[in-house]
C-alpha atoms as a PDB file:
ATOM      1  CA  UNK A   1      -5.984 -19.617  -2.521  1.00  0.00           C
ATOM      2  CA  UNK A   2      -6.249 -20.316   1.705  1.00  0.00           C
ATOM      3  CA  UNK A   3      -3.934 -21.960   3.080  1.00  0.00           C
ATOM      4  CA  UNK A   4      -4.523 -25.808   4.356  1.00  0.00           C
ATOM      5  CA  UNK A   5      -2.851 -27.853   7.487  1.00  0.00           C
ATOM      6  CA  UNK A   6      -3.501 -31.632   8.116  1.00  0.00           C
ATOM      7  CA  UNK A   7      -5.353 -32.026  11.680  1.00  0.00           C
ATOM      8  CA  UNK A   8      -5.413 -35.758  12.944  1.00  0.00           C
ATOM      9  CA  UNK A   9      -6.044 -36.830   9.281  1.00  0.00           C
ATOM     10  CA  UNK A  10      -8.754 -34.021   8.384  1.00  0.00           C
ATOM     11  CA  UNK A  11      -7.743 -31.229   5.986  1.00  0.00           C
ATOM     12  CA  UNK A  12      -8.882 -27.904   6.870  1.00  0.00           C
ATOM     13  CA  UNK A  13      -8.732 -24.108   5.771  1.00  0.00           C
ATOM     14  CA  UNK A  14      -6.430 -22.184   7.733  1.00  0.00           C
ATOM     15  CA  UNK A  15      -7.435 -18.595   8.005  1.00  0.00           C
ATOM     16  CA  UNK A  16      -6.268 -15.625  10.513  1.00  0.00           C
ATOM     17  CA  UNK A  17      -7.927 -15.230  13.523  1.00  0.00           C
ATOM     18  CA  UNK A  18     -10.269 -12.474  13.726  1.00  0.00           C
ATOM     19  CA  UNK A  19      -8.743 -11.751  17.096  1.00  0.00           C
ATOM     20  CA  UNK A  20      -5.276 -11.295  15.191  1.00  0.00           C
ATOM     21  CA  UNK A  21      -6.914  -9.410  12.333  1.00  0.00           C
ATOM     22  CA  UNK A  22      -8.275  -7.007  14.770  1.00  0.00           C
ATOM     23  CA  UNK A  23      -5.110  -6.720  16.664  1.00  0.00           C
ATOM     24  CA  UNK A  24      -3.112  -6.005  13.098  1.00  0.00           C
ATOM     25  CA  UNK A  25      -5.694  -3.267  12.275  1.00  0.00           C
ATOM     26  CA  UNK A  26      -5.082  -1.408  15.617  1.00  0.00           C
ATOM     27  CA  UNK A  27      -1.114  -1.863  14.838  1.00  0.00           C
ATOM     28  CA  UNK A  28      -1.359  -0.297  11.543  1.00  0.00           C
ATOM     29  CA  UNK A  29      -3.819   2.221  12.739  1.00  0.00           C
ATOM     30  CA  UNK A  30      -1.302   3.492  15.416  1.00  0.00           C
ATOM     31  CA  UNK A  31       1.511   3.276  13.197  1.00  0.00           C
ATOM     32  CA  UNK A  32      -0.150   5.322  10.386  1.00  0.00           C
ATOM     33  CA  UNK A  33      -1.339   8.111  12.757  1.00  0.00           C
ATOM     34  CA  UNK A  34       1.873   8.328  14.132  1.00  0.00           C
ATOM     35  CA  UNK A  35       3.293   8.846  10.273  1.00  0.00           C
ATOM     36  CA  UNK A  36       5.722   5.569  10.907  1.00  0.00           C
ATOM     37  CA  UNK A  37       6.642   3.331   8.128  1.00  0.00           C
ATOM     38  CA  UNK A  38       6.618  -0.181   8.256  1.00  0.00           C
ATOM     39  CA  UNK A  39      10.260  -0.342   7.910  1.00  0.00           C
ATOM     40  CA  UNK A  40      11.294   1.929  10.589  1.00  0.00           C
ATOM     41  CA  UNK A  41       8.563   0.058  13.106  1.00  0.00           C
ATOM     42  CA  UNK A  42      10.428  -2.947  11.835  1.00  0.00           C
ATOM     43  CA  UNK A  43      13.783  -1.634  12.649  1.00  0.00           C
ATOM     44  CA  UNK A  44      12.598  -0.505  15.926  1.00  0.00           C
ATOM     45  CA  UNK A  45      11.447  -4.045  16.382  1.00  0.00           C
ATOM     46  CA  UNK A  46      14.405  -5.616  15.177  1.00  0.00           C
ATOM     47  CA  UNK A  47      12.116  -7.248  12.202  1.00  0.00           C
ATOM     48  CA  UNK A  48      11.194  -6.723   8.350  1.00  0.00           C
ATOM     49  CA  UNK A  49       8.874  -5.008   7.382  1.00  0.00           C
ATOM     50  CA  UNK A  50       7.589  -8.071   5.858  1.00  0.00           C
ATOM     51  CA  UNK A  51       7.066  -9.874   9.274  1.00  0.00           C
ATOM     52  CA  UNK A  52       5.190  -6.108   9.907  1.00  0.00           C
ATOM     53  CA  UNK A  53       2.991  -6.767   7.050  1.00  0.00           C
ATOM     54  CA  UNK A  54       2.157 -10.015   8.137  1.00  0.00           C
ATOM     55  CA  UNK A  55       1.278  -8.866  11.866  1.00  0.00           C
ATOM     56  CA  UNK A  56      -0.932  -5.995  10.362  1.00  0.00           C
ATOM     57  CA  UNK A  57      -2.857  -8.556   8.034  1.00  0.00           C
ATOM     58  CA  UNK A  58      -3.043 -10.713  10.868  1.00  0.00           C
ATOM     59  CA  UNK A  59      -1.447 -13.762   9.236  1.00  0.00           C
ATOM     60  CA  UNK A  60       1.064 -13.838  12.117  1.00  0.00           C
ATOM     61  CA  UNK A  61      -0.389 -13.856  15.746  1.00  0.00           C
ATOM     62  CA  UNK A  62       1.165 -10.913  17.878  1.00  0.00           C
ATOM     63  CA  UNK A  63       3.029 -13.030  21.181  1.00  0.00           C
ATOM     64  CA  UNK A  64       2.632 -11.332  24.405  1.00  0.00           C
ATOM     65  CA  UNK A  65       6.391  -9.963  24.639  1.00  0.00           C
ATOM     66  CA  UNK A  66       5.985  -8.582  20.665  1.00  0.00           C
ATOM     67  CA  UNK A  67       2.863  -6.934  21.931  1.00  0.00           C
ATOM     68  CA  UNK A  68       4.421  -4.963  24.782  1.00  0.00           C
ATOM     69  CA  UNK A  69       7.510  -3.718  22.637  1.00  0.00           C
ATOM     70  CA  UNK A  70       4.927  -2.748  20.265  1.00  0.00           C
ATOM     71  CA  UNK A  71       3.274  -0.770  22.963  1.00  0.00           C
ATOM     72  CA  UNK A  72       6.472   0.854  23.908  1.00  0.00           C
ATOM     73  CA  UNK A  73       7.574   1.537  20.317  1.00  0.00           C
ATOM     74  CA  UNK A  74       3.925   3.062  19.345  1.00  0.00           C
ATOM     75  CA  UNK A  75       3.839   4.691  23.051  1.00  0.00           C
ATOM     76  CA  UNK A  76      -0.218   3.276  23.522  1.00  0.00           C
ATOM     77  CA  UNK A  77      -1.164   1.306  26.494  1.00  0.00           C
ATOM     78  CA  UNK A  78      -1.601  -2.404  25.226  1.00  0.00           C
ATOM     79  CA  UNK A  79      -5.218  -2.500  25.992  1.00  0.00           C
ATOM     80  CA  UNK A  80      -5.289  -0.361  22.680  1.00  0.00           C
ATOM     81  CA  UNK A  81      -4.662  -3.148  20.465  1.00  0.00           C
ATOM     82  CA  UNK A  82      -7.707  -4.599  21.621  1.00  0.00           C
ATOM     83  CA  UNK A  83      -9.787  -1.391  21.798  1.00  0.00           C
ATOM     84  CA  UNK A  84     -13.067  -1.396  19.752  1.00  0.00           C
ATOM     85  CA  UNK A  85     -13.253  -4.812  19.131  1.00  0.00           C
ATOM     86  CA  UNK A  86     -16.499  -5.508  18.143  1.00  0.00           C
ATOM     87  CA  UNK A  87     -19.129  -6.975  20.516  1.00  0.00           C
ATOM     88  CA  UNK A  88     -19.747 -10.047  18.359  1.00  0.00           C
ATOM     89  CA  UNK A  89     -16.168 -11.111  18.306  1.00  0.00           C
ATOM     90  CA  UNK A  90     -15.447 -10.315  21.728  1.00  0.00           C
ATOM     91  CA  UNK A  91     -18.352 -12.192  23.151  1.00  0.00           C
ATOM     92  CA  UNK A  92     -17.264 -15.390  20.918  1.00  0.00           C
ATOM     93  CA  UNK A  93     -14.258 -15.493  22.715  1.00  0.00           C
ATOM     94  CA  UNK A  94     -15.915 -15.048  25.929  1.00  0.00           C
ATOM     95  CA  UNK A  95     -14.996 -11.907  26.398  1.00  0.00           C
ATOM     96  CA  UNK A  96     -16.389  -8.176  26.365  1.00  0.00           C
ATOM     97  CA  UNK A  97     -15.102  -5.200  23.946  1.00  0.00           C
ATOM     98  CA  UNK A  98     -12.891  -2.570  24.981  1.00  0.00           C
ATOM     99  CA  UNK A  99     -14.885   0.644  23.843  1.00  0.00           C
ATOM    100  CA  UNK A 100     -12.419   3.494  24.782  1.00  0.00           C
ATOM    101  CA  UNK A 101     -11.394   5.080  21.843  1.00  0.00           C
ATOM    102  CA  UNK A 102     -10.502   7.789  23.092  1.00  0.00           C
ATOM    103  CA  UNK A 103     -13.610   9.975  22.256  1.00  0.00           C
ATOM    104  CA  UNK A 104     -14.261   8.527  19.235  1.00  0.00           C
ATOM    105  CA  UNK A 105     -17.481   7.165  18.026  1.00  0.00           C
ATOM    106  CA  UNK A 106     -17.881   3.542  18.287  1.00  0.00           C
ATOM    107  CA  UNK A 107     -17.038   1.498  15.332  1.00  0.00           C
ATOM    108  CA  UNK A 108     -20.752   0.636  14.230  1.00  0.00           C
ATOM    109  CA  UNK A 109     -20.913   4.285  13.123  1.00  0.00           C
ATOM    110  CA  UNK A 110     -18.837   3.167  10.701  1.00  0.00           C
ATOM    111  CA  UNK A 111     -19.719   0.507   9.029  1.00  0.00           C
ATOM    112  CA  UNK A 112     -17.597   1.144   6.294  1.00  0.00           C
ATOM    113  CA  UNK A 113     -14.148   1.372   7.804  1.00  0.00           C
ATOM    114  CA  UNK A 114     -14.331   4.810   7.576  1.00  0.00           C
ATOM    115  CA  UNK A 115     -11.822   5.081  10.310  1.00  0.00           C
ATOM    116  CA  UNK A 116      -9.276   2.995   8.461  1.00  0.00           C
ATOM    117  CA  UNK A 117      -9.040   4.710   5.571  1.00  0.00           C
ATOM    118  CA  UNK A 118      -5.720   6.490   4.629  1.00  0.00           C
ATOM    119  CA  UNK A 119      -7.484   9.774   4.173  1.00  0.00           C
ATOM    120  CA  UNK A 120      -8.799   9.571   7.412  1.00  0.00           C
ATOM    121  CA  UNK A 121      -5.599   8.877   8.787  1.00  0.00           C
ATOM    122  CA  UNK A 122      -3.863  11.494   7.288  1.00  0.00           C
ATOM    123  CA  UNK A 123      -6.444  13.815   8.174  1.00  0.00           C
ATOM    124  CA  UNK A 124      -6.184  13.137  12.217  1.00  0.00           C
ATOM    125  CA  UNK A 125      -2.301  13.024  11.535  1.00  0.00           C
ATOM    126  CA  UNK A 126      -2.352  16.551  10.239  1.00  0.00           C
ATOM    127  CA  UNK A 127      -4.759  17.944  12.797  1.00  0.00           C
ATOM    128  CA  UNK A 128      -2.427  16.904  15.207  1.00  0.00           C
ATOM    129  CA  UNK A 129       0.647  18.454  13.826  1.00  0.00           C
ATOM    130  CA  UNK A 130      -1.340  22.030  14.164  1.00  0.00           C
ATOM    131  CA  UNK A 131       0.426  23.253  17.239  1.00  0.00           C
ATOM    132  CA  UNK A 132      -1.196  25.765  18.382  1.00  0.00           C
ATOM    133  CA  UNK A 133      -3.980  24.996  20.526  1.00  0.00           C
ATOM    134  CA  UNK A 134      -6.569  27.713  19.386  1.00  0.00           C
ATOM    135  CA  UNK A 135      -6.213  27.157  15.848  1.00  0.00           C
ATOM    136  CA  UNK A 136      -6.355  23.611  16.335  1.00  0.00           C
ATOM    137  CA  UNK A 137      -9.307  24.191  18.240  1.00  0.00           C
ATOM    138  CA  UNK A 138     -10.870  26.890  15.494  1.00  0.00           C
ATOM    139  CA  UNK A 139     -10.458  23.565  13.062  1.00  0.00           C
ATOM    140  CA  UNK A 140     -12.111  21.099  14.523  1.00  0.00           C
ATOM    141  CA  UNK A 141     -15.067  23.522  15.285  1.00  0.00           C
ATOM    142  CA  UNK A 142     -14.991  24.411  11.429  1.00  0.00           C
ATOM    143  CA  UNK A 143     -15.002  20.929   9.966  1.00  0.00           C
ATOM    144  CA  UNK A 144     -17.418  20.046  12.714  1.00  0.00           C
ATOM    145  CA  UNK A 145     -19.925  23.089  11.303  1.00  0.00           C
ATOM    146  CA  UNK A 146     -19.579  21.950   7.335  1.00  0.00           C
ATOM    147  CA  UNK A 147     -21.373  17.950   8.539  1.00  0.00           C
ATOM    148  CA  UNK A 148     -24.570  17.834   8.713  1.00  0.00           C
ATOM    149  CA  UNK A 149     -26.342  18.572  12.211  1.00  0.00           C
ATOM    150  CA  UNK A 150     -26.300  15.778  14.639  1.00  0.00           C
ATOM    151  CA  UNK A 151     -29.640  15.189  16.038  1.00  0.00           C
ATOM    152  CA  UNK A 152     -29.340  15.138  20.388  1.00  0.00           C
END
């Protein structure tokens, strides 16, 4: 059941802001790619893992100073948390989305949320644990060759 709040005599349902949810998703993505637990991230930030969970779900809004701390702990620029924001979401708040996804396809190419699946994150993490660049390149080429041929 969603929480409600009283605003000048009118009761309305409160839900997380879609932007807070997006930022939380990006926090979870980066944390998972680094192989970091919610507990470890919480310790680095001086928070409990429950507070980290609330940030990741978008239930709690991430303030500017906390976003700065997160960018340092997760080793990403602050803009990372806003990258790949859906066009309609950014436009509804008067902005433009940032499509700097490090060479990854646009989010629209993955309507089923493939990039946020645990399997995908574990695969990416395993890939980057390959220390030899030649082996990593061969693995990349092998995986690409197993998929359907892309039309150019």
